[in-house]
Amino acid sequence: MVVNYRLPIGNYQLLIFNYQFPIPHYQFPNIKYKSKIEMNSVWQQLTMANLPLSQWQSGSYLLNWAIGNARSWRQSSWLMQWAEPLGFGLLALTFGLGPFVNNALVGVLMAAGAAFWVLLTVSDDRAIVLTPIHLLVLLYWGIATVATAMSPVKAAAFTGWSKLTLYLLFFALMARILRDPRWRSWLIAVYLNVALIVSFYGVRQWIDKVPPLATWNDPTSTQADVTRVYSFLGNPNLLGSYLLPAIAFSAAALFVWKGWGTKLLALTMLVVNCACLRYTDSRGAWIGFVALLVVFLVLLWYWYSPLMPRFWRTWALPLGLGGLAGALILGVVLVAPLRDRISSMFVGRGDSSNNFRINVWTAVIDMIRDRPIIGIGPGNTAFNKVYPLYMKPKFTALSAYSVLLEITVETGFIGLMCFLWLMTVTVNQGLSQIKKMRDAQFNSSNSQEASPNLTSNQAFWLIGAIATLVGMMAHGFVDTVWYRPEVNMLWWLMVAIIASFYRNSQQQDSALTEGE
């Protein structure tokens, strides 16, 4: 393409500009295509999608020395021949007793699990140990360690740092044991059965109209005398957050479990869990439930979209989400207690709970403003030492009542950015594994009559885990029950489930095998 410009001067024309563009007009789409490739490359680097961990691990002297150093001892030890069943037993015991015992005993069980992970790691014979998720968890722990060292209340921050370390080691054990689909499915089944007991007891409390253990409702509102169930956990908001994974996994179990008997059990779990969540009257948990449901339906549509006719592939998702929105709106309009509770979210300081949270958030923002980089150190003990210096009179609090604010006040904006990076990488890893399993399952046949290959039904646990992460974080925007052991263990279980599906190119994708 040649462009020239001639300036007329009297009867003459002076050539001012003559240039031939090297790229013809018809090649412009290639520029857009290359730009798209570059954007994808940036995203893959940000999410560590193509991180060559296997090559780095094989060349790392420290990892090769620390991992598998006691392998010969394990081979000669009768007890360590049962290492994975023992690890599963510790996990099942912790999740099985979690709602019914005090936090001190849960901490002891988690410490035993952390110690067992160390023993398992130094005697491990597996090729894969680390994932991109592990690396970011380690980075977050390092930031929390620096925040502890620089905290104005170091002794209190050390207590929180110790608890955080315990949770992260427990995550490492779960990610290690749950690589086997059999243990993964069994641990989820243990949690679902325990959650069913918790939910049944919560529904029974609603039938019996149990009195509250504290002033959970605004005494001046129409909801002052409404029963809010708390089951074995002692707090409706805590119970609501505990039930979010149970709802997601009981829905996933409808697709994973075989036989009409187990599917009926999964349906019973789903109905009872949803009913108990309704009776908690926890607005934050309800927000998390809606977010969880939307993500679960979107991923379910994505999974089955290759089998759908073109019309349903286009319209199933909008119709499904529209129907969900319509059902929720109809429920709010027709059920007066539900309408009153939902409307209280939008009255601002007119609701005592809203007013309390707003005052706490204002004080916490002032705390962040004074230490924005690295925070005051992890844990509620450190928070309780510093918060009184900023709080408004009569508004004492044990936490920031927002997970993101709590992370920022504890580890600064550096810790917050690392946590959001961890969330992004974790969800991206889960979505990548779902895509791989979906492609492996449906690409062999494009016919609409093709039935799903049951060897890939483990993907529904991934769908449940991702939906739970989103739902729990939505709840965490307005509450911090996320930090309680009963809920925090479940959060790290979701992350561990996603991490357990990670495989490098040198491994067979054993996660696709059925683990029932």
Protein backbone atom coordinates (compact mmCIF):
# COMPACT_ATOMS: atom_id res chain seq x y z
CA MET A 1 0.00 0.00 0.00
CA VAL A 2 1.62 3.26 -1.20
CA VAL A 3 0.73 6.68 0.19
CA ASN A 4 2.06 9.94 -1.31
CA TYR A 5 1.24 13.60 -0.90
CA ARG A 6 2.04 16.33 -3.46
CA LEU A 7 1.92 20.03 -2.62
CA PRO A 8 0.65 22.17 -5.56
CA ILE A 9 2.88 25.23 -6.28
CA GLY A 10 1.68 27.19 -9.26
CA ASN A 11 1.79 24.90 -12.28
CA TYR A 12 4.04 22.41 -10.47
CA GLN A 13 3.53 19.73 -7.78
CA LEU A 14 6.18 19.12 -5.14
CA LEU A 15 6.35 15.53 -3.83
CA ILE A 16 6.26 15.82 -0.04
CA PHE A 17 5.56 12.28 1.18
CA ASN A 18 5.90 8.86 -0.38
CA TYR A 19 5.83 5.70 1.73
CA GLN A 20 4.93 2.06 1.19
CA PHE A 21 3.44 0.32 4.23
CA PRO A 22 5.08 -3.07 4.89
CA ILE A 23 1.83 -4.62 6.20
CA PRO A 24 -1.08 -4.89 3.75
CA HIS A 25 -4.57 -4.12 5.01
CA TYR A 26 -5.71 -7.74 4.73
CA GLN A 27 -3.04 -8.80 7.24
CA PHE A 28 -4.42 -6.65 10.10
CA PRO A 29 -6.39 -9.61 11.58
CA ASN A 30 -3.06 -11.37 12.14
CA ILE A 31 -2.00 -8.51 14.40
CA LYS A 32 -5.10 -9.06 16.52
CA TYR A 33 -4.41 -12.78 16.60
CA LYS A 34 -0.84 -12.23 17.74
CA SER A 35 -2.05 -9.78 20.37
CA LYS A 36 -4.47 -12.40 21.66
CA ILE A 37 -1.66 -14.96 21.85
CA GLU A 38 0.48 -12.52 23.80
CA MET A 39 -2.37 -11.85 26.25
CA ASN A 40 -2.86 -15.58 26.74
CA SER A 41 0.85 -15.96 27.36
CA VAL A 42 0.76 -13.25 30.04
CA TRP A 43 -2.22 -14.91 31.70
CA GLN A 44 -0.50 -18.30 31.66
CA GLN A 45 2.57 -16.80 33.28
CA LEU A 46 0.46 -15.02 35.90
CA THR A 47 -1.42 -18.20 36.78
CA MET A 48 1.69 -20.43 36.49
CA ALA A 49 -0.18 -22.64 34.05
CA ASN A 50 2.99 -23.85 32.28
CA LEU A 51 5.43 -23.68 35.16
CA PRO A 52 8.07 -26.43 34.62
CA LEU A 53 7.98 -27.69 38.20
CA SER A 54 9.16 -31.19 37.36
CA GLN A 55 12.41 -29.92 35.82
CA TRP A 56 12.98 -27.53 38.71
CA GLN A 57 12.30 -30.25 41.29
CA SER A 58 14.66 -32.70 39.62
CA GLY A 59 17.43 -30.09 39.61
CA SER A 60 16.87 -28.78 43.15
CA TYR A 61 19.48 -30.05 45.58
CA LEU A 62 17.46 -28.95 48.63
CA LEU A 63 14.28 -30.72 47.54
CA ASN A 64 16.11 -33.88 46.54
CA TRP A 65 17.79 -33.92 49.93
CA ALA A 66 14.66 -33.20 51.98
CA ILE A 67 12.13 -35.30 50.07
CA GLY A 68 12.64 -39.01 50.15
CA ASN A 69 15.73 -38.81 52.34
CA ALA A 70 14.34 -41.58 54.57
CA ARG A 71 12.91 -43.67 51.75
CA SER A 72 14.87 -46.77 52.68
CA TRP A 73 13.56 -46.58 56.24
CA ARG A 74 10.00 -46.41 54.98
CA GLN A 75 10.50 -49.48 52.82
CA SER A 76 11.64 -51.48 55.85
CA SER A 77 8.98 -50.09 58.22
CA TRP A 78 5.83 -52.17 58.64
CA LEU A 79 3.82 -49.19 59.89
CA MET A 80 4.78 -46.88 57.03
CA GLN A 81 3.57 -49.44 54.52
CA TRP A 82 0.15 -48.16 55.59
CA ALA A 83 1.14 -44.51 55.37
CA GLU A 84 -1.69 -43.32 53.14
CA PRO A 85 -4.47 -45.13 55.06
CA LEU A 86 -3.02 -43.71 58.29
CA GLY A 87 -2.98 -40.22 56.81
CA PHE A 88 -6.55 -40.62 55.65
CA GLY A 89 -7.52 -41.82 59.12
CA LEU A 90 -6.10 -38.65 60.68
CA LEU A 91 -7.98 -36.49 58.18
CA ALA A 92 -11.25 -38.37 58.64
CA LEU A 93 -10.94 -38.19 62.43
CA THR A 94 -10.31 -34.44 62.32
CA PHE A 95 -13.26 -33.68 60.04
CA GLY A 96 -15.46 -36.23 61.80
CA LEU A 97 -14.95 -34.73 65.26
CA GLY A 98 -14.59 -31.08 64.22
CA PRO A 99 -18.17 -29.89 64.85
CA PHE A 100 -18.57 -31.78 68.13
CA VAL A 101 -15.41 -31.13 70.16
CA ASN A 102 -13.61 -28.02 71.39
CA ASN A 103 -11.02 -26.26 69.29
CA ALA A 104 -8.14 -27.45 71.48
CA LEU A 105 -8.72 -31.09 70.51
CA VAL A 106 -9.07 -30.11 66.84
CA GLY A 107 -5.72 -28.34 67.15
CA VAL A 108 -4.12 -31.47 68.59
CA LEU A 109 -5.44 -33.56 65.70
CA MET A 110 -4.20 -31.01 63.18
CA ALA A 111 -0.77 -30.97 64.86
CA ALA A 112 -0.66 -34.76 64.59
CA GLY A 113 -1.54 -34.46 60.90
CA ALA A 114 1.18 -31.84 60.36
CA ALA A 115 3.78 -34.06 62.04
CA PHE A 116 2.67 -37.02 59.96
CA TRP A 117 3.04 -34.94 56.78
CA VAL A 118 6.66 -34.18 57.70
CA LEU A 119 7.31 -37.88 58.30
CA LEU A 120 5.58 -38.80 55.07
CA THR A 121 7.49 -36.20 53.06
CA VAL A 122 10.98 -37.16 54.17
CA SER A 123 10.20 -40.80 53.31
CA ASP A 124 8.14 -40.18 50.19
CA ASP A 125 8.84 -41.95 46.92
CA ARG A 126 6.51 -39.92 44.72
CA ALA A 127 7.85 -37.79 41.88
CA ILE A 128 5.50 -34.87 42.40
CA VAL A 129 5.40 -32.90 45.63
CA LEU A 130 4.91 -29.26 44.73
CA THR A 131 2.26 -27.51 42.63
CA PRO A 132 1.88 -23.82 41.74
CA ILE A 133 -0.67 -23.68 44.56
CA HIS A 134 1.94 -24.98 47.02
CA LEU A 135 4.39 -22.31 45.92
CA LEU A 136 1.93 -19.48 46.55
CA VAL A 137 0.87 -20.97 49.88
CA LEU A 138 4.55 -21.00 50.82
CA LEU A 139 4.90 -17.39 49.65
CA TYR A 140 1.88 -16.33 51.72
CA TRP A 141 3.36 -18.09 54.75
CA GLY A 142 6.65 -16.25 54.17
CA ILE A 143 4.83 -12.89 54.06
CA ALA A 144 3.00 -13.77 57.29
CA THR A 145 6.36 -14.67 58.85
CA VAL A 146 7.80 -11.28 57.94
CA ALA A 147 4.65 -9.59 59.27
CA THR A 148 5.11 -11.48 62.54
CA ALA A 149 8.73 -10.41 62.82
CA MET A 150 7.83 -6.76 62.17
CA SER A 151 4.65 -6.73 64.26
CA PRO A 152 4.21 -4.14 67.02
CA VAL A 153 2.85 -7.01 69.18
CA LYS A 154 5.27 -9.80 68.31
CA ALA A 155 4.26 -12.27 71.01
CA ALA A 156 0.57 -12.04 70.08
CA ALA A 157 1.38 -12.26 66.35
CA PHE A 158 3.50 -15.35 66.96
CA THR A 159 0.42 -17.10 68.37
CA GLY A 160 -1.48 -16.34 65.16
CA TRP A 161 1.50 -17.33 63.04
CA SER A 162 1.63 -20.71 64.80
CA LYS A 163 -2.03 -21.35 64.02
CA LEU A 164 -1.56 -20.31 60.39
CA THR A 165 1.43 -22.64 60.07
CA LEU A 166 -0.66 -25.49 61.46
CA TYR A 167 -3.42 -24.90 58.91
CA LEU A 168 -0.95 -24.77 56.02
CA LEU A 169 0.80 -27.99 57.07
CA PHE A 170 -2.62 -29.62 57.36
CA PHE A 171 -3.35 -28.42 53.82
CA ALA A 172 -0.10 -30.03 52.65
CA LEU A 173 -1.15 -33.36 54.18
CA MET A 174 -4.57 -33.20 52.54
CA ALA A 175 -3.10 -32.33 49.14
CA ARG A 176 -0.72 -35.29 49.48
CA ILE A 177 -3.28 -37.90 50.59
CA LEU A 178 -6.08 -36.78 48.28
CA ARG A 179 -4.05 -37.41 45.13
CA ASP A 180 -5.62 -40.85 45.27
CA PRO A 181 -9.24 -40.48 44.01
CA ARG A 182 -10.35 -43.19 46.42
CA TRP A 183 -9.23 -41.28 49.52
CA ARG A 184 -10.59 -38.07 48.04
CA SER A 185 -14.07 -39.52 47.57
CA TRP A 186 -14.08 -41.20 50.98
CA LEU A 187 -13.02 -38.04 52.84
CA ILE A 188 -15.75 -36.04 51.11
CA ALA A 189 -18.22 -38.79 52.07
CA VAL A 190 -17.10 -38.55 55.71
CA TYR A 191 -17.65 -34.80 55.73
CA LEU A 192 -21.05 -35.10 54.03
CA ASN A 193 -22.31 -37.63 56.56
CA VAL A 194 -21.10 -35.52 59.49
CA ALA A 195 -22.69 -32.43 57.94
CA LEU A 196 -25.95 -34.36 57.58
CA ILE A 197 -25.98 -35.01 61.34
CA VAL A 198 -25.22 -31.33 61.99
CA SER A 199 -28.02 -30.24 59.65
CA PHE A 200 -30.58 -32.66 61.09
CA TYR A 201 -29.88 -31.31 64.56
CA GLY A 202 -30.17 -27.74 63.26
CA VAL A 203 -33.56 -28.46 61.66
CA ARG A 204 -34.68 -30.05 64.93
CA GLN A 205 -33.70 -26.86 66.77
CA TRP A 206 -35.91 -24.86 64.42
CA ILE A 207 -38.84 -27.22 65.08
CA ASP A 208 -38.31 -26.89 68.85
CA LYS A 209 -37.83 -23.09 68.60
CA VAL A 210 -34.67 -23.09 70.69
CA PRO A 211 -33.77 -19.77 72.37
CA PRO A 212 -30.71 -17.87 71.09
CA LEU A 213 -27.37 -18.08 72.90
CA ALA A 214 -26.75 -14.36 72.26
CA THR A 215 -28.47 -11.30 70.77
CA TRP A 216 -28.15 -12.31 67.12
CA ASN A 217 -31.09 -10.25 65.79
CA ASP A 218 -31.80 -6.55 65.96
CA PRO A 219 -34.06 -6.26 69.08
CA THR A 220 -35.99 -3.40 67.46
CA SER A 221 -36.77 -5.25 64.22
CA THR A 222 -39.63 -7.58 63.28
CA GLN A 223 -37.05 -10.40 63.29
CA ALA A 224 -36.19 -9.98 66.99
CA ASP A 225 -37.91 -13.22 68.10
CA VAL A 226 -37.14 -15.34 65.02
CA THR A 227 -35.40 -18.64 65.78
CA ARG A 228 -31.89 -18.91 64.35
CA VAL A 229 -30.45 -22.41 64.52
CA TYR A 230 -26.82 -23.05 65.43
CA SER A 231 -26.66 -26.87 65.80
CA PHE A 232 -23.46 -28.12 67.45
CA LEU A 233 -21.42 -25.07 66.37
CA GLY A 234 -23.01 -22.51 68.70
CA ASN A 235 -23.34 -19.72 66.12
CA PRO A 236 -25.74 -19.36 63.14
CA ASN A 237 -23.20 -17.59 60.92
CA LEU A 238 -20.59 -20.24 61.65
CA LEU A 239 -23.11 -22.99 60.91
CA GLY A 240 -24.12 -21.32 57.65
CA SER A 241 -20.53 -21.16 56.44
CA TYR A 242 -19.91 -24.78 57.52
CA LEU A 243 -22.86 -25.93 55.39
CA LEU A 244 -21.80 -24.24 52.14
CA PRO A 245 -19.32 -27.02 51.16
CA ALA A 246 -21.89 -29.63 52.21
CA ILE A 247 -24.44 -28.16 49.80
CA ALA A 248 -21.94 -28.05 46.92
CA PHE A 249 -20.62 -31.58 47.51
CA SER A 250 -24.05 -33.14 48.09
CA ALA A 251 -25.09 -31.66 44.72
CA ALA A 252 -21.90 -33.04 43.15
CA ALA A 253 -22.53 -36.43 44.75
CA LEU A 254 -25.72 -36.72 42.69
CA PHE A 255 -23.43 -37.07 39.66
CA VAL A 256 -20.54 -38.98 41.26
CA TRP A 257 -22.18 -41.65 43.41
CA LYS A 258 -23.52 -44.72 41.68
CA GLY A 259 -26.79 -46.47 42.35
CA TRP A 260 -30.20 -45.11 43.23
CA GLY A 261 -29.66 -45.67 46.94
CA THR A 262 -26.60 -43.44 47.20
CA LYS A 263 -28.14 -40.86 44.86
CA LEU A 264 -31.21 -40.74 47.11
CA LEU A 265 -28.88 -40.22 50.09
CA ALA A 266 -27.15 -37.37 48.24
CA LEU A 267 -30.53 -35.77 47.45
CA THR A 268 -31.55 -36.08 51.12
CA MET A 269 -28.30 -34.43 52.15
CA LEU A 270 -28.87 -31.58 49.69
CA VAL A 271 -32.43 -30.90 50.88
CA VAL A 272 -31.60 -31.08 54.61
CA ASN A 273 -28.47 -28.94 54.23
CA CYS A 274 -30.36 -26.27 52.30
CA ALA A 275 -33.19 -26.30 54.85
CA CYS A 276 -30.76 -25.91 57.74
CA LEU A 277 -28.99 -23.07 55.93
CA ARG A 278 -32.33 -21.32 55.50
CA TYR A 279 -33.06 -21.60 59.23
CA THR A 280 -29.71 -20.10 60.22
CA ASP A 281 -31.04 -16.73 58.98
CA SER A 282 -27.40 -15.90 58.19
CA ARG A 283 -27.48 -13.20 55.52
CA GLY A 284 -23.78 -13.65 54.73
CA ALA A 285 -24.23 -17.40 54.27
CA TRP A 286 -27.21 -16.75 52.01
CA ILE A 287 -25.07 -14.47 49.85
CA GLY A 288 -22.45 -17.23 49.71
CA PHE A 289 -25.13 -19.77 48.78
CA VAL A 290 -26.31 -17.70 45.81
CA ALA A 291 -22.72 -17.21 44.59
CA LEU A 292 -22.03 -20.94 45.05
CA LEU A 293 -25.17 -21.92 43.16
CA VAL A 294 -24.41 -19.63 40.23
CA VAL A 295 -20.85 -20.94 39.85
CA PHE A 296 -21.98 -24.57 40.21
CA LEU A 297 -24.65 -24.17 37.51
CA VAL A 298 -22.24 -22.39 35.15
CA LEU A 299 -19.61 -25.14 35.51
CA LEU A 300 -22.26 -27.85 35.18
CA TRP A 301 -23.42 -26.25 31.93
CA TYR A 302 -19.81 -26.05 30.74
CA TRP A 303 -19.27 -29.74 31.49
CA TYR A 304 -22.31 -30.97 29.57
CA SER A 305 -22.30 -28.36 26.78
CA PRO A 306 -20.56 -30.68 24.25
CA LEU A 307 -23.56 -33.03 24.49
CA MET A 308 -26.17 -30.30 24.04
CA PRO A 309 -27.87 -29.38 20.78
CA ARG A 310 -26.90 -25.98 19.47
CA PHE A 311 -30.06 -24.31 20.78
CA TRP A 312 -29.58 -25.54 24.34
CA ARG A 313 -25.85 -24.87 24.24
CA THR A 314 -26.73 -21.23 23.61
CA TRP A 315 -29.80 -20.78 25.79
CA ALA A 316 -29.52 -23.31 28.62
CA LEU A 317 -27.29 -21.08 30.74
CA PRO A 318 -29.30 -17.82 30.37
CA LEU A 319 -32.56 -19.69 30.95
CA GLY A 320 -31.15 -21.53 33.96
CA LEU A 321 -29.72 -18.43 35.61
CA GLY A 322 -32.87 -16.47 34.77
CA GLY A 323 -35.02 -19.18 36.31
CA LEU A 324 -32.84 -19.19 39.41
CA ALA A 325 -33.13 -15.41 39.73
CA GLY A 326 -36.89 -15.64 39.26
CA ALA A 327 -37.22 -18.34 41.92
CA LEU A 328 -35.17 -16.32 44.41
CA ILE A 329 -37.19 -13.17 43.76
CA LEU A 330 -40.44 -15.09 44.07
CA GLY A 331 -39.31 -16.57 47.37
CA VAL A 332 -38.39 -13.16 48.74
CA VAL A 333 -41.74 -11.69 47.66
CA LEU A 334 -43.95 -14.50 48.98
CA VAL A 335 -42.16 -15.48 52.23
CA ALA A 336 -42.49 -12.62 54.71
CA PRO A 337 -39.70 -13.66 57.16
CA LEU A 338 -37.32 -14.13 54.26
CA ARG A 339 -38.33 -10.77 52.79
CA ASP A 340 -37.77 -8.97 56.10
CA ARG A 341 -34.36 -10.58 56.58
CA ILE A 342 -33.19 -9.82 53.04
CA SER A 343 -34.44 -6.24 53.18
CA SER A 344 -32.39 -5.63 56.33
CA MET A 345 -29.26 -5.86 54.17
CA PHE A 346 -30.17 -2.62 52.42
CA VAL A 347 -31.13 -0.36 55.32
CA GLY A 348 -27.53 0.61 56.11
CA ARG A 349 -27.10 1.70 59.71
CA GLY A 350 -30.80 1.18 60.30
CA ASP A 351 -30.01 -2.41 61.30
CA SER A 352 -27.94 -2.90 64.46
CA SER A 353 -25.81 -5.66 62.91
CA ASN A 354 -25.07 -3.50 59.86
CA ASN A 355 -24.25 -0.54 62.06
CA PHE A 356 -21.88 -2.61 64.18
CA ARG A 357 -20.00 -3.91 61.15
CA ILE A 358 -19.72 -0.47 59.57
CA ASN A 359 -18.16 0.92 62.73
CA VAL A 360 -15.71 -1.99 62.93
CA TRP A 361 -14.77 -1.62 59.26
CA THR A 362 -14.11 2.09 59.76
CA ALA A 363 -11.72 1.36 62.62
CA VAL A 364 -10.01 -1.43 60.67
CA ILE A 365 -9.44 0.87 57.69
CA ASP A 366 -7.71 3.27 60.07
CA MET A 367 -5.51 0.39 61.26
CA ILE A 368 -4.62 -0.47 57.65
CA ARG A 369 -3.84 3.16 56.89
CA ASP A 370 -1.22 3.21 59.67
CA ARG A 371 0.46 -0.07 58.61
CA PRO A 372 -0.44 -0.60 54.93
CA ILE A 373 2.60 -2.54 53.71
CA ILE A 374 3.06 -5.54 56.01
CA GLY A 375 0.27 -5.20 58.61
CA ILE A 376 0.23 -5.94 62.34
CA GLY A 377 0.87 -9.67 62.15
CA PRO A 378 -1.46 -12.69 61.80
CA GLY A 379 -4.11 -13.88 64.21
CA ASN A 380 -6.97 -12.57 66.30
CA THR A 381 -4.70 -12.24 69.35
CA ALA A 382 -2.65 -9.56 67.60
CA PHE A 383 -5.86 -7.95 66.35
CA ASN A 384 -7.28 -7.76 69.86
CA LYS A 385 -4.09 -6.03 71.08
CA VAL A 386 -4.17 -3.30 68.43
CA TYR A 387 -7.86 -2.81 67.64
CA PRO A 388 -8.77 -1.12 70.99
CA LEU A 389 -6.48 1.77 69.99
CA TYR A 390 -8.72 2.52 67.00
CA MET A 391 -12.20 1.29 67.94
CA LYS A 392 -15.18 3.50 68.54
CA PRO A 393 -16.65 3.32 72.07
CA LYS A 394 -18.94 0.31 72.71
CA PHE A 395 -17.96 -1.39 69.45
CA THR A 396 -15.54 -4.08 70.63
CA ALA A 397 -14.74 -6.76 68.07
CA LEU A 398 -12.68 -9.94 67.85
CA SER A 399 -11.96 -9.55 64.13
CA ALA A 400 -12.42 -7.25 61.14
CA TYR A 401 -15.73 -8.86 60.06
CA SER A 402 -14.39 -9.12 56.52
CA VAL A 403 -11.86 -11.68 55.33
CA LEU A 404 -10.16 -9.33 52.87
CA LEU A 405 -9.92 -6.56 55.46
CA GLU A 406 -8.61 -9.07 58.00
CA ILE A 407 -5.91 -10.30 55.62
CA THR A 408 -4.93 -6.71 54.82
CA VAL A 409 -4.75 -5.63 58.45
CA GLU A 410 -2.69 -8.73 59.33
CA THR A 411 -0.25 -8.89 56.40
CA GLY A 412 -0.73 -5.56 54.61
CA PHE A 413 -1.41 -5.04 50.95
CA ILE A 414 1.50 -7.36 50.12
CA GLY A 415 -0.29 -10.22 51.86
CA LEU A 416 -3.61 -9.29 50.26
CA MET A 417 -2.09 -9.32 46.76
CA CYS A 418 -0.49 -12.70 47.45
CA PHE A 419 -3.79 -14.12 48.73
CA LEU A 420 -5.68 -12.89 45.66
CA TRP A 421 -2.93 -14.36 43.47
CA LEU A 422 -3.32 -17.67 45.31
CA MET A 423 -7.08 -17.56 44.74
CA THR A 424 -6.61 -16.81 41.04
CA VAL A 425 -4.09 -19.61 40.50
CA THR A 426 -6.19 -22.10 42.49
CA VAL A 427 -9.38 -21.43 40.54
CA ASN A 428 -7.48 -21.40 37.24
CA GLN A 429 -5.87 -24.76 38.05
CA GLY A 430 -9.30 -26.19 38.83
CA LEU A 431 -10.83 -24.87 35.63
CA SER A 432 -7.89 -26.19 33.59
CA GLN A 433 -8.32 -29.67 35.04
CA ILE A 434 -12.08 -29.58 34.38
CA LYS A 435 -11.39 -28.64 30.77
CA LYS A 436 -8.86 -31.47 30.36
CA MET A 437 -11.25 -34.05 31.80
CA ARG A 438 -14.17 -32.75 29.78
CA ASP A 439 -12.17 -32.89 26.55
CA ALA A 440 -10.92 -36.40 27.36
CA GLN A 441 -14.47 -37.55 28.04
CA PHE A 442 -16.50 -36.01 25.23
CA ASN A 443 -14.09 -35.59 22.32
CA SER A 444 -14.11 -39.30 21.54
CA SER A 445 -17.69 -39.01 20.29
CA ASN A 446 -19.64 -35.92 19.26
CA SER A 447 -22.99 -37.68 19.04
CA GLN A 448 -25.71 -36.38 21.29
CA GLU A 449 -26.53 -39.90 22.41
CA ALA A 450 -23.06 -40.45 23.87
CA SER A 451 -23.30 -41.18 27.58
CA PRO A 452 -20.73 -39.64 29.95
CA ASN A 453 -17.65 -41.70 30.61
CA LEU A 454 -17.79 -42.52 34.32
CA THR A 455 -13.99 -42.54 34.55
CA SER A 456 -14.14 -38.72 34.69
CA ASN A 457 -16.82 -38.25 37.35
CA GLN A 458 -14.18 -36.97 39.76
CA ALA A 459 -14.53 -33.66 37.91
CA PHE A 460 -17.74 -32.99 39.82
CA TRP A 461 -15.75 -32.81 43.06
CA LEU A 462 -13.68 -30.12 41.35
CA ILE A 463 -16.84 -28.27 40.38
CA GLY A 464 -18.04 -28.44 43.97
CA ALA A 465 -14.69 -27.26 45.34
CA ILE A 466 -14.49 -24.24 43.02
CA ALA A 467 -18.11 -23.28 43.73
CA THR A 468 -17.42 -23.57 47.47
CA LEU A 469 -14.36 -21.31 47.27
CA VAL A 470 -16.42 -18.62 45.58
CA GLY A 471 -19.33 -19.05 48.00
CA MET A 472 -17.19 -18.97 51.14
CA MET A 473 -15.33 -15.90 49.91
CA ALA A 474 -18.63 -14.16 49.12
CA HIS A 475 -19.68 -14.86 52.71
CA GLY A 476 -16.25 -13.69 53.85
CA PHE A 477 -16.82 -10.21 52.45
CA VAL A 478 -19.07 -9.46 55.42
CA ASP A 479 -17.92 -11.88 58.12
CA THR A 480 -14.84 -13.65 59.49
CA VAL A 481 -16.19 -17.01 60.63
CA TRP A 482 -13.78 -18.16 57.89
CA TYR A 483 -11.06 -18.06 60.56
CA ARG A 484 -12.81 -20.51 62.88
CA PRO A 485 -11.28 -24.03 62.77
CA GLU A 486 -14.53 -25.71 61.66
CA VAL A 487 -14.65 -23.49 58.55
CA ASN A 488 -10.97 -22.81 57.92
CA MET A 489 -10.26 -26.54 57.66
CA LEU A 490 -12.95 -26.79 55.00
CA TRP A 491 -11.50 -23.87 53.07
CA TRP A 492 -8.09 -25.52 52.91
CA LEU A 493 -9.78 -28.82 52.04
CA MET A 494 -11.21 -27.14 48.92
CA VAL A 495 -7.77 -25.79 47.97
CA ALA A 496 -6.21 -29.21 48.65
CA ILE A 497 -8.79 -30.99 46.48
CA ILE A 498 -7.96 -28.71 43.56
CA ALA A 499 -4.21 -29.11 44.17
CA SER A 500 -4.57 -32.90 44.32
CA PHE A 501 -5.65 -32.98 40.66
CA TYR A 502 -2.45 -31.30 39.48
CA ARG A 503 -0.29 -33.50 37.26
CA ASN A 504 2.81 -32.69 35.25
CA SER A 505 3.53 -33.99 31.78
CA GLN A 506 5.57 -36.92 33.06
CA GLN A 507 2.72 -38.46 35.01
CA GLN A 508 -0.27 -40.45 34.01
CA ASP A 509 -3.52 -38.67 34.73
CA SER A 510 -4.63 -41.04 37.46
CA ALA A 511 -7.12 -38.43 38.69
CA LEU A 512 -9.38 -39.51 35.85
CA THR A 513 -9.82 -42.98 37.29
CA GLU A 514 -12.84 -43.77 39.37
CA GLY A 515 -12.21 -43.73 43.09
CA GLU A 516 -15.43 -45.11 44.48
